[in-house]
Amino acid sequence: MDHNMEVMAAAEGLEYHLREKGQTGNTLDAHRLVHLAASHGREDQMMERLYKAYFTEQRSVFDVESLVSLAAEEGLDATEVREALESDRYVDAVRRDLEEARMLGVSGVPFFVIDGRYGISGAQATDVFCRALTMGAGLFLLLGFLVRSTLAQEQEGLEVLGHGPVHEAFAQPTTYKVEL
């Protein structure tokens, strides 16, 4: 699986090194750091830095010292970052994110939610994201078909999450898949 992700990343001009060290750990503090960065308008930059550190540089994104260093590289105050990570700051925000993910049917990563309605599960090609973004821009209403989540699980690609005005007729959150 790691080899396939490296190949897909390379096809998109990204450099991933997933097989050499294989670092794993708890990402709670990394998620908390992203919330801190967001409070300074630097969420996207911090996410990019964490991705590059993990996927390309094979640096840890699991321990406080590494996270403080990475945050400082992105212009965040190291003292503030350390204080936040040594406290319980943003733990509730991360818990809310996890609850929202559960409600959306997320069961693995990566998983991308677009416009609160469209979900992309797993590493996907650029055209899948383009289709989801196009649909998120409002073109979804032109599509007149949905396939129940049981069928969606048998296929790869784009999922449409059962939330929002289009799905009010459904009593329970359900994941649907749209084939374009």
N, C-alpha and C. Protein backbone atom coordinates (compact mmCIF):
# COMPACT_ATOMS: atom_id res chain seq x y z
N MET A 1 0.82 -1.18 0.00
CA MET A 1 0.00 0.00 0.00
C MET A 1 0.87 1.26 0.00
N ASP A 2 1.95 1.28 0.83
CA ASP A 2 2.82 2.44 0.87
C ASP A 2 3.48 2.68 -0.48
N HIS A 3 3.88 1.61 -1.15
CA HIS A 3 4.49 1.75 -2.47
C HIS A 3 3.50 2.39 -3.44
N ASN A 4 2.25 1.95 -3.43
CA ASN A 4 1.23 2.53 -4.31
C ASN A 4 1.02 4.01 -4.03
N MET A 5 1.01 4.38 -2.76
CA MET A 5 0.85 5.80 -2.42
C MET A 5 2.05 6.61 -2.90
N GLU A 6 3.25 6.05 -2.80
CA GLU A 6 4.44 6.74 -3.30
C GLU A 6 4.35 6.94 -4.81
N VAL A 7 3.88 5.93 -5.53
CA VAL A 7 3.75 6.01 -6.99
C VAL A 7 2.70 7.06 -7.36
N MET A 8 1.53 7.02 -6.68
CA MET A 8 0.48 8.01 -6.96
C MET A 8 0.96 9.42 -6.65
N ALA A 9 1.68 9.58 -5.55
CA ALA A 9 2.20 10.90 -5.19
C ALA A 9 3.18 11.39 -6.25
N ALA A 10 4.06 10.52 -6.69
CA ALA A 10 5.05 10.89 -7.72
C ALA A 10 4.37 11.33 -9.00
N ALA A 11 3.27 10.65 -9.36
CA ALA A 11 2.54 11.02 -10.57
C ALA A 11 1.95 12.43 -10.47
N GLU A 12 1.73 12.89 -9.24
CA GLU A 12 1.19 14.24 -9.03
C GLU A 12 2.28 15.25 -8.70
N GLY A 13 3.56 14.81 -8.83
CA GLY A 13 4.67 15.71 -8.57
C GLY A 13 5.03 15.84 -7.10
N LEU A 14 4.59 14.91 -6.28
CA LEU A 14 4.89 14.94 -4.85
C LEU A 14 5.94 13.88 -4.51
N GLU A 15 6.74 14.19 -3.52
CA GLU A 15 7.79 13.27 -3.10
C GLU A 15 7.40 12.66 -1.75
N TYR A 16 7.06 11.38 -1.74
CA TYR A 16 6.72 10.67 -0.51
C TYR A 16 7.74 9.58 -0.26
N HIS A 17 8.09 9.41 1.01
CA HIS A 17 8.97 8.32 1.44
C HIS A 17 8.28 7.63 2.61
N LEU A 18 7.52 6.62 2.32
CA LEU A 18 6.71 5.99 3.35
C LEU A 18 7.27 4.68 3.87
N ARG A 19 8.18 4.06 3.14
CA ARG A 19 8.62 2.72 3.49
C ARG A 19 9.93 2.66 4.26
N GLU A 20 10.66 3.76 4.32
CA GLU A 20 12.00 3.70 4.89
C GLU A 20 12.02 3.62 6.41
N LYS A 21 11.32 4.50 7.12
CA LYS A 21 11.32 4.50 8.58
C LYS A 21 10.00 4.01 9.16
N GLY A 22 8.92 4.31 8.51
CA GLY A 22 7.62 3.87 8.97
C GLY A 22 7.26 4.36 10.36
N GLN A 23 7.44 5.65 10.63
CA GLN A 23 7.11 6.21 11.93
C GLN A 23 5.61 6.21 12.16
N THR A 24 5.21 5.80 13.35
CA THR A 24 3.81 5.86 13.73
C THR A 24 3.70 6.40 15.14
N GLY A 25 2.52 6.85 15.50
CA GLY A 25 2.30 7.37 16.84
C GLY A 25 0.94 8.03 16.94
N ASN A 26 0.70 8.65 18.07
CA ASN A 26 -0.55 9.33 18.35
C ASN A 26 -0.49 10.74 17.77
N THR A 27 -1.49 11.11 16.97
CA THR A 27 -1.48 12.41 16.31
C THR A 27 -2.32 13.47 17.02
N LEU A 28 -2.77 13.19 18.25
CA LEU A 28 -3.57 14.17 18.97
C LEU A 28 -2.87 15.52 19.06
N ASP A 29 -1.60 15.53 19.46
CA ASP A 29 -0.89 16.80 19.58
C ASP A 29 -0.73 17.50 18.24
N ALA A 30 -0.53 16.75 17.17
CA ALA A 30 -0.43 17.37 15.84
C ALA A 30 -1.75 18.03 15.47
N HIS A 31 -2.86 17.39 15.77
CA HIS A 31 -4.18 17.98 15.50
C HIS A 31 -4.40 19.23 16.36
N ARG A 32 -3.95 19.18 17.60
CA ARG A 32 -4.06 20.35 18.47
C ARG A 32 -3.22 21.49 17.91
N LEU A 33 -2.03 21.17 17.41
CA LEU A 33 -1.17 22.18 16.81
C LEU A 33 -1.84 22.84 15.61
N VAL A 34 -2.53 22.07 14.82
CA VAL A 34 -3.24 22.64 13.66
C VAL A 34 -4.30 23.63 14.12
N HIS A 35 -5.01 23.31 15.20
CA HIS A 35 -5.99 24.26 15.74
C HIS A 35 -5.31 25.53 16.22
N LEU A 36 -4.17 25.40 16.88
CA LEU A 36 -3.42 26.59 17.32
C LEU A 36 -3.01 27.41 16.11
N ALA A 37 -2.49 26.75 15.09
CA ALA A 37 -2.07 27.46 13.88
C ALA A 37 -3.27 28.18 13.24
N ALA A 38 -4.42 27.54 13.25
CA ALA A 38 -5.63 28.15 12.69
C ALA A 38 -5.99 29.44 13.43
N SER A 39 -5.75 29.47 14.72
CA SER A 39 -6.05 30.68 15.49
C SER A 39 -5.16 31.85 15.08
N HIS A 40 -4.09 31.55 14.37
CA HIS A 40 -3.17 32.58 13.86
C HIS A 40 -3.27 32.72 12.33
N GLY A 41 -4.29 32.09 11.74
CA GLY A 41 -4.45 32.17 10.29
C GLY A 41 -3.42 31.37 9.53
N ARG A 42 -2.84 30.33 10.15
CA ARG A 42 -1.75 29.57 9.52
C ARG A 42 -2.07 28.08 9.44
N GLU A 43 -3.34 27.73 9.46
CA GLU A 43 -3.73 26.32 9.43
C GLU A 43 -3.21 25.59 8.20
N ASP A 44 -3.45 26.15 7.03
CA ASP A 44 -3.01 25.49 5.80
C ASP A 44 -1.49 25.31 5.76
N GLN A 45 -0.76 26.34 6.15
CA GLN A 45 0.70 26.26 6.14
C GLN A 45 1.18 25.19 7.12
N MET A 46 0.53 25.11 8.29
CA MET A 46 0.95 24.13 9.28
C MET A 46 0.64 22.72 8.79
N MET A 47 -0.51 22.53 8.18
CA MET A 47 -0.85 21.22 7.62
C MET A 47 0.17 20.80 6.57
N GLU A 48 0.50 21.71 5.67
CA GLU A 48 1.50 21.41 4.63
C GLU A 48 2.83 21.04 5.26
N ARG A 49 3.22 21.78 6.31
CA ARG A 49 4.50 21.50 6.96
C ARG A 49 4.49 20.13 7.62
N LEU A 50 3.40 19.78 8.28
CA LEU A 50 3.29 18.47 8.91
C LEU A 50 3.32 17.35 7.87
N TYR A 51 2.61 17.54 6.76
CA TYR A 51 2.61 16.53 5.70
C TYR A 51 4.02 16.33 5.14
N LYS A 52 4.69 17.44 4.87
CA LYS A 52 6.04 17.34 4.31
C LYS A 52 6.98 16.66 5.31
N ALA A 53 6.87 17.04 6.57
CA ALA A 53 7.73 16.44 7.60
C ALA A 53 7.52 14.93 7.67
N TYR A 54 6.28 14.51 7.65
CA TYR A 54 5.98 13.09 7.79
C TYR A 54 6.23 12.30 6.51
N PHE A 55 5.63 12.76 5.42
CA PHE A 55 5.66 11.98 4.19
C PHE A 55 6.98 12.09 3.42
N THR A 56 7.62 13.23 3.47
CA THR A 56 8.83 13.43 2.66
C THR A 56 10.10 13.33 3.49
N GLU A 57 10.12 14.00 4.63
CA GLU A 57 11.33 14.07 5.44
C GLU A 57 11.42 12.97 6.48
N GLN A 58 10.35 12.26 6.68
CA GLN A 58 10.24 11.19 7.67
C GLN A 58 10.60 11.67 9.07
N ARG A 59 10.13 12.88 9.38
CA ARG A 59 10.29 13.43 10.72
C ARG A 59 9.07 13.06 11.54
N SER A 60 9.25 12.97 12.83
CA SER A 60 8.14 12.67 13.73
C SER A 60 7.17 13.84 13.80
N VAL A 61 5.90 13.52 13.78
CA VAL A 61 4.84 14.49 14.04
C VAL A 61 4.06 14.05 15.28
N PHE A 62 4.74 13.30 16.15
CA PHE A 62 4.10 12.69 17.31
C PHE A 62 4.61 13.21 18.64
N ASP A 63 5.78 13.80 18.69
CA ASP A 63 6.31 14.25 19.98
C ASP A 63 6.35 15.77 20.04
N VAL A 64 6.27 16.30 21.24
CA VAL A 64 6.17 17.73 21.46
C VAL A 64 7.37 18.47 20.88
N GLU A 65 8.58 17.97 21.11
CA GLU A 65 9.77 18.67 20.63
C GLU A 65 9.76 18.84 19.11
N SER A 66 9.41 17.78 18.42
CA SER A 66 9.35 17.84 16.96
C SER A 66 8.27 18.82 16.51
N LEU A 67 7.12 18.78 17.15
CA LEU A 67 6.02 19.67 16.77
C LEU A 67 6.36 21.14 17.04
N VAL A 68 7.03 21.40 18.15
CA VAL A 68 7.45 22.78 18.44
C VAL A 68 8.40 23.26 17.36
N SER A 69 9.34 22.43 16.98
CA SER A 69 10.31 22.79 15.94
C SER A 69 9.61 23.07 14.61
N LEU A 70 8.71 22.18 14.22
CA LEU A 70 7.99 22.35 12.95
C LEU A 70 7.14 23.62 12.97
N ALA A 71 6.48 23.88 14.10
CA ALA A 71 5.65 25.07 14.21
C ALA A 71 6.49 26.34 14.12
N ALA A 72 7.64 26.33 14.76
CA ALA A 72 8.54 27.50 14.70
C ALA A 72 9.00 27.74 13.27
N GLU A 73 9.24 26.67 12.53
CA GLU A 73 9.62 26.80 11.12
C GLU A 73 8.53 27.50 10.31
N GLU A 74 7.29 27.37 10.77
CA GLU A 74 6.16 28.00 10.07
C GLU A 74 5.78 29.35 10.67
N GLY A 75 6.64 29.86 11.54
CA GLY A 75 6.42 31.21 12.05
C GLY A 75 5.59 31.31 13.31
N LEU A 76 5.24 30.18 13.91
CA LEU A 76 4.50 30.24 15.18
C LEU A 76 5.49 30.39 16.32
N ASP A 77 5.06 31.01 17.41
CA ASP A 77 5.90 31.23 18.57
C ASP A 77 6.12 29.91 19.30
N ALA A 78 7.38 29.50 19.43
CA ALA A 78 7.71 28.21 20.04
C ALA A 78 7.23 28.11 21.48
N THR A 79 7.32 29.19 22.22
CA THR A 79 6.87 29.17 23.62
C THR A 79 5.37 28.94 23.70
N GLU A 80 4.62 29.64 22.86
CA GLU A 80 3.16 29.45 22.85
C GLU A 80 2.80 28.03 22.44
N VAL A 81 3.49 27.49 21.45
CA VAL A 81 3.22 26.13 20.99
C VAL A 81 3.50 25.14 22.11
N ARG A 82 4.64 25.27 22.76
CA ARG A 82 4.99 24.36 23.84
C ARG A 82 3.96 24.42 24.97
N GLU A 83 3.58 25.64 25.35
CA GLU A 83 2.59 25.80 26.42
C GLU A 83 1.26 25.16 26.05
N ALA A 84 0.86 25.34 24.80
CA ALA A 84 -0.41 24.75 24.36
C ALA A 84 -0.34 23.23 24.38
N LEU A 85 0.76 22.68 23.90
CA LEU A 85 0.89 21.22 23.82
C LEU A 85 1.14 20.56 25.17
N GLU A 86 1.63 21.32 26.13
CA GLU A 86 1.84 20.78 27.47
C GLU A 86 0.60 20.96 28.35
N SER A 87 -0.43 21.55 27.80
CA SER A 87 -1.70 21.71 28.50
C SER A 87 -2.74 20.87 27.76
N ASP A 88 -4.01 21.10 28.08
CA ASP A 88 -5.07 20.39 27.36
C ASP A 88 -5.75 21.30 26.34
N ARG A 89 -5.08 22.37 25.99
CA ARG A 89 -5.61 23.34 25.03
C ARG A 89 -5.93 22.64 23.70
N TYR A 90 -7.09 22.89 23.17
CA TYR A 90 -7.59 22.39 21.90
C TYR A 90 -7.98 20.90 21.91
N VAL A 91 -7.88 20.24 23.04
CA VAL A 91 -8.30 18.83 23.10
C VAL A 91 -9.79 18.72 22.78
N ASP A 92 -10.60 19.62 23.33
CA ASP A 92 -12.04 19.58 23.05
C ASP A 92 -12.34 19.85 21.58
N ALA A 93 -11.58 20.73 20.96
CA ALA A 93 -11.77 21.02 19.53
C ALA A 93 -11.47 19.78 18.70
N VAL A 94 -10.41 19.06 19.05
CA VAL A 94 -10.07 17.84 18.32
C VAL A 94 -11.15 16.79 18.54
N ARG A 95 -11.66 16.69 19.76
CA ARG A 95 -12.75 15.74 20.03
C ARG A 95 -13.99 16.06 19.19
N ARG A 96 -14.29 17.36 19.05
CA ARG A 96 -15.42 17.75 18.20
C ARG A 96 -15.16 17.35 16.74
N ASP A 97 -13.93 17.53 16.28
CA ASP A 97 -13.57 17.11 14.93
C ASP A 97 -13.79 15.61 14.75
N LEU A 98 -13.38 14.84 15.76
CA LEU A 98 -13.54 13.38 15.68
C LEU A 98 -15.01 12.99 15.67
N GLU A 99 -15.81 13.65 16.46
CA GLU A 99 -17.24 13.36 16.49
C GLU A 99 -17.89 13.69 15.14
N GLU A 100 -17.51 14.82 14.57
CA GLU A 100 -18.02 15.18 13.25
C GLU A 100 -17.61 14.13 12.22
N ALA A 101 -16.38 13.68 12.30
CA ALA A 101 -15.90 12.65 11.36
C ALA A 101 -16.72 11.37 11.51
N ARG A 102 -16.99 10.97 12.74
CA ARG A 102 -17.82 9.77 12.96
C ARG A 102 -19.21 9.96 12.36
N MET A 103 -19.78 11.13 12.57
CA MET A 103 -21.12 11.40 12.03
C MET A 103 -21.13 11.37 10.50
N LEU A 104 -20.02 11.72 9.89
CA LEU A 104 -19.92 11.70 8.43
C LEU A 104 -19.58 10.32 7.88
N GLY A 105 -19.30 9.37 8.78
CA GLY A 105 -18.99 8.02 8.34
C GLY A 105 -17.53 7.78 8.02
N VAL A 106 -16.66 8.66 8.47
CA VAL A 106 -15.24 8.50 8.22
C VAL A 106 -14.74 7.32 9.04
N SER A 107 -14.04 6.41 8.36
CA SER A 107 -13.51 5.25 9.07
C SER A 107 -12.01 5.08 8.85
N GLY A 108 -11.40 5.97 8.12
CA GLY A 108 -9.97 5.88 7.86
C GLY A 108 -9.44 7.19 7.30
N VAL A 109 -8.16 7.25 7.15
CA VAL A 109 -7.52 8.43 6.60
C VAL A 109 -6.68 8.03 5.40
N PRO A 110 -6.48 8.89 4.45
CA PRO A 110 -7.05 10.24 4.43
C PRO A 110 -8.52 10.21 4.03
N PHE A 111 -9.23 11.21 4.49
CA PHE A 111 -10.64 11.40 4.14
C PHE A 111 -10.86 12.90 4.05
N PHE A 112 -11.39 13.36 2.94
CA PHE A 112 -11.57 14.78 2.70
C PHE A 112 -13.06 15.07 2.59
N VAL A 113 -13.51 16.12 3.26
CA VAL A 113 -14.91 16.54 3.20
C VAL A 113 -14.96 17.87 2.48
N ILE A 114 -15.79 17.95 1.46
CA ILE A 114 -15.92 19.17 0.67
C ILE A 114 -17.35 19.67 0.81
N ASP A 115 -17.49 20.91 1.23
CA ASP A 115 -18.78 21.56 1.35
C ASP A 115 -19.69 20.84 2.35
N GLY A 116 -19.12 20.10 3.28
CA GLY A 116 -19.91 19.41 4.28
C GLY A 116 -20.77 18.29 3.72
N ARG A 117 -20.66 18.01 2.44
CA ARG A 117 -21.53 17.01 1.81
C ARG A 117 -20.79 15.94 1.03
N TYR A 118 -19.64 16.24 0.51
CA TYR A 118 -18.97 15.33 -0.39
C TYR A 118 -17.72 14.79 0.29
N GLY A 119 -17.58 13.49 0.32
CA GLY A 119 -16.43 12.88 0.96
C GLY A 119 -15.58 12.10 -0.01
N ILE A 120 -14.30 12.24 0.12
CA ILE A 120 -13.36 11.47 -0.68
C ILE A 120 -12.55 10.62 0.29
N SER A 121 -12.67 9.33 0.15
CA SER A 121 -12.00 8.40 1.04
C SER A 121 -10.76 7.84 0.37
N GLY A 122 -9.66 7.87 1.10
CA GLY A 122 -8.43 7.29 0.58
C GLY A 122 -7.69 8.24 -0.34
N ALA A 123 -6.51 7.82 -0.72
CA ALA A 123 -5.71 8.59 -1.67
C ALA A 123 -6.33 8.41 -3.05
N GLN A 124 -6.74 9.49 -3.67
CA GLN A 124 -7.42 9.44 -4.95
C GLN A 124 -6.69 10.31 -5.97
N ALA A 125 -6.96 10.06 -7.20
CA ALA A 125 -6.37 10.84 -8.29
C ALA A 125 -6.96 12.25 -8.32
N THR A 126 -6.25 13.15 -8.96
CA THR A 126 -6.66 14.55 -9.03
C THR A 126 -8.05 14.71 -9.62
N ASP A 127 -8.42 13.91 -10.62
CA ASP A 127 -9.72 14.08 -11.25
C ASP A 127 -10.87 13.81 -10.29
N VAL A 128 -10.67 12.95 -9.30
CA VAL A 128 -11.72 12.70 -8.31
C VAL A 128 -11.95 13.96 -7.49
N PHE A 129 -10.87 14.63 -7.09
CA PHE A 129 -11.01 15.88 -6.34
C PHE A 129 -11.66 16.96 -7.20
N CYS A 130 -11.29 17.02 -8.47
CA CYS A 130 -11.88 18.01 -9.38
C CYS A 130 -13.38 17.82 -9.50
N ARG A 131 -13.80 16.56 -9.62
CA ARG A 131 -15.24 16.28 -9.71
C ARG A 131 -15.95 16.68 -8.43
N ALA A 132 -15.35 16.37 -7.29
CA ALA A 132 -15.98 16.71 -6.01
C ALA A 132 -16.08 18.22 -5.84
N LEU A 133 -15.04 18.94 -6.22
CA LEU A 133 -15.07 20.39 -6.11
C LEU A 133 -16.11 20.99 -7.05
N THR A 134 -16.23 20.43 -8.24
CA THR A 134 -17.24 20.90 -9.18
C THR A 134 -18.64 20.67 -8.60
N MET A 135 -18.84 19.51 -8.04
CA MET A 135 -20.14 19.21 -7.44
C MET A 135 -20.38 20.10 -6.24
N GLY A 136 -19.35 20.36 -5.45
CA GLY A 136 -19.47 21.23 -4.30
C GLY A 136 -19.83 22.65 -4.69
N ALA A 137 -19.53 23.02 -5.91
CA ALA A 137 -19.86 24.35 -6.40
C ALA A 137 -21.32 24.48 -6.79
N GLY A 138 -22.08 23.42 -6.68
CA GLY A 138 -23.50 23.52 -6.93
C GLY A 138 -24.01 22.66 -8.06
N LEU A 139 -23.14 21.99 -8.79
CA LEU A 139 -23.59 21.20 -9.91
C LEU A 139 -24.23 19.88 -9.48
N PHE A 140 -24.11 19.54 -8.20
CA PHE A 140 -24.70 18.30 -7.70
C PHE A 140 -26.19 18.23 -7.99
N LEU A 141 -26.88 19.33 -7.90
CA LEU A 141 -28.33 19.34 -8.09
C LEU A 141 -28.73 18.89 -9.50
N LEU A 142 -27.79 18.97 -10.43
CA LEU A 142 -28.08 18.53 -11.79
C LEU A 142 -28.04 17.01 -11.92
N LEU A 143 -27.42 16.36 -10.97
CA LEU A 143 -27.31 14.90 -11.02
C LEU A 143 -28.54 14.29 -10.39
N GLY A 144 -29.15 13.35 -11.05
CA GLY A 144 -30.39 12.79 -10.54
C GLY A 144 -30.29 11.38 -10.03
N PHE A 145 -29.12 10.96 -9.67
CA PHE A 145 -29.03 9.58 -9.22
C PHE A 145 -28.08 9.43 -8.04
N LEU A 146 -28.46 8.58 -7.14
CA LEU A 146 -27.62 8.23 -5.98
C LEU A 146 -27.62 6.71 -5.85
N VAL A 147 -26.52 6.19 -5.44
CA VAL A 147 -26.43 4.75 -5.22
C VAL A 147 -26.21 4.55 -3.73
N ARG A 148 -26.99 3.70 -3.10
CA ARG A 148 -26.89 3.48 -1.66
C ARG A 148 -25.48 3.08 -1.25
N SER A 149 -25.14 3.35 -0.01
CA SER A 149 -23.79 3.15 0.49
C SER A 149 -23.32 1.70 0.39
N THR A 150 -24.24 0.76 0.42
CA THR A 150 -23.80 -0.63 0.31
C THR A 150 -23.16 -0.90 -1.04
N LEU A 151 -23.67 -0.28 -2.08
CA LEU A 151 -23.06 -0.41 -3.39
C LEU A 151 -21.78 0.42 -3.47
N ALA A 152 -21.78 1.56 -2.79
CA ALA A 152 -20.61 2.43 -2.83
C ALA A 152 -19.39 1.74 -2.25
N GLN A 153 -19.60 0.90 -1.26
CA GLN A 153 -18.47 0.23 -0.63
C GLN A 153 -17.79 -0.75 -1.57
N GLU A 154 -18.48 -1.16 -2.60
CA GLU A 154 -17.91 -2.11 -3.54
C GLU A 154 -17.05 -1.43 -4.59
N GLN A 155 -17.12 -0.12 -4.66
CA GLN A 155 -16.42 0.62 -5.71
C GLN A 155 -15.46 1.60 -5.08
N GLU A 156 -14.51 2.10 -5.85
CA GLU A 156 -13.60 3.13 -5.39
C GLU A 156 -14.04 4.45 -5.99
N GLY A 157 -13.69 5.54 -5.34
CA GLY A 157 -13.94 6.84 -5.95
C GLY A 157 -14.63 7.81 -5.03
N LEU A 158 -15.60 8.52 -5.53
CA LEU A 158 -16.21 9.65 -4.88
C LEU A 158 -17.47 9.26 -4.13
N GLU A 159 -17.54 9.69 -2.86
CA GLU A 159 -18.72 9.44 -2.06
C GLU A 159 -19.42 10.75 -1.78
N VAL A 160 -20.73 10.72 -1.70
CA VAL A 160 -21.50 11.89 -1.32
C VAL A 160 -22.11 11.60 0.03
N LEU A 161 -21.85 12.47 0.99
CA LEU A 161 -22.30 12.22 2.35
C LEU A 161 -23.76 12.62 2.51
N GLY A 162 -24.51 11.84 3.27
CA GLY A 162 -25.94 12.06 3.44
C GLY A 162 -26.27 13.14 4.42
N HIS A 163 -25.83 14.34 4.19
CA HIS A 163 -26.15 15.48 5.03
C HIS A 163 -26.47 16.66 4.13
N GLY A 164 -27.17 17.65 4.68
CA GLY A 164 -27.45 18.86 3.92
C GLY A 164 -28.82 18.81 3.28
N PRO A 165 -29.21 19.90 2.64
CA PRO A 165 -30.57 20.02 2.12
C PRO A 165 -30.94 18.99 1.07
N VAL A 166 -29.97 18.52 0.31
CA VAL A 166 -30.27 17.54 -0.73
C VAL A 166 -30.71 16.22 -0.11
N HIS A 167 -30.24 15.93 1.09
CA HIS A 167 -30.49 14.64 1.72
C HIS A 167 -31.49 14.72 2.88
N GLU A 168 -32.29 15.78 2.97
CA GLU A 168 -33.21 15.91 4.09
C GLU A 168 -34.24 14.79 4.14
N ALA A 169 -34.50 14.16 3.03
CA ALA A 169 -35.49 13.09 2.99
C ALA A 169 -35.03 11.85 3.73
N PHE A 170 -33.73 11.75 3.96
CA PHE A 170 -33.19 10.56 4.62
C PHE A 170 -33.11 10.81 6.12
N ALA A 171 -33.63 9.89 6.91
CA ALA A 171 -33.70 10.07 8.36
C ALA A 171 -32.34 9.92 9.03
N GLN A 172 -31.47 9.06 8.50
CA GLN A 172 -30.18 8.81 9.13
C GLN A 172 -29.06 9.26 8.22
N PRO A 173 -27.95 9.72 8.83
CA PRO A 173 -26.79 10.02 7.99
C PRO A 173 -26.35 8.75 7.27
N THR A 174 -26.22 8.84 5.97
CA THR A 174 -25.85 7.70 5.15
C THR A 174 -24.83 8.17 4.13
N THR A 175 -23.90 7.33 3.79
CA THR A 175 -22.91 7.67 2.77
C THR A 175 -23.40 7.14 1.44
N TYR A 176 -23.39 7.99 0.44
CA TYR A 176 -23.79 7.63 -0.91
C TYR A 176 -22.62 7.82 -1.84
N LYS A 177 -22.74 7.24 -3.00
CA LYS A 177 -21.67 7.37 -3.98
C LYS A 177 -22.28 7.82 -5.30
N VAL A 178 -21.61 8.75 -5.94
CA VAL A 178 -22.04 9.23 -7.24
C VAL A 178 -21.00 8.81 -8.27
N GLU A 179 -21.42 8.18 -9.32
CA GLU A 179 -20.52 7.83 -10.42
C GLU A 179 -20.71 8.84 -11.53
N LEU A 180 -19.65 9.47 -11.94
CA LEU A 180 -19.75 10.44 -13.03
C LEU A 180 -19.24 9.85 -14.32
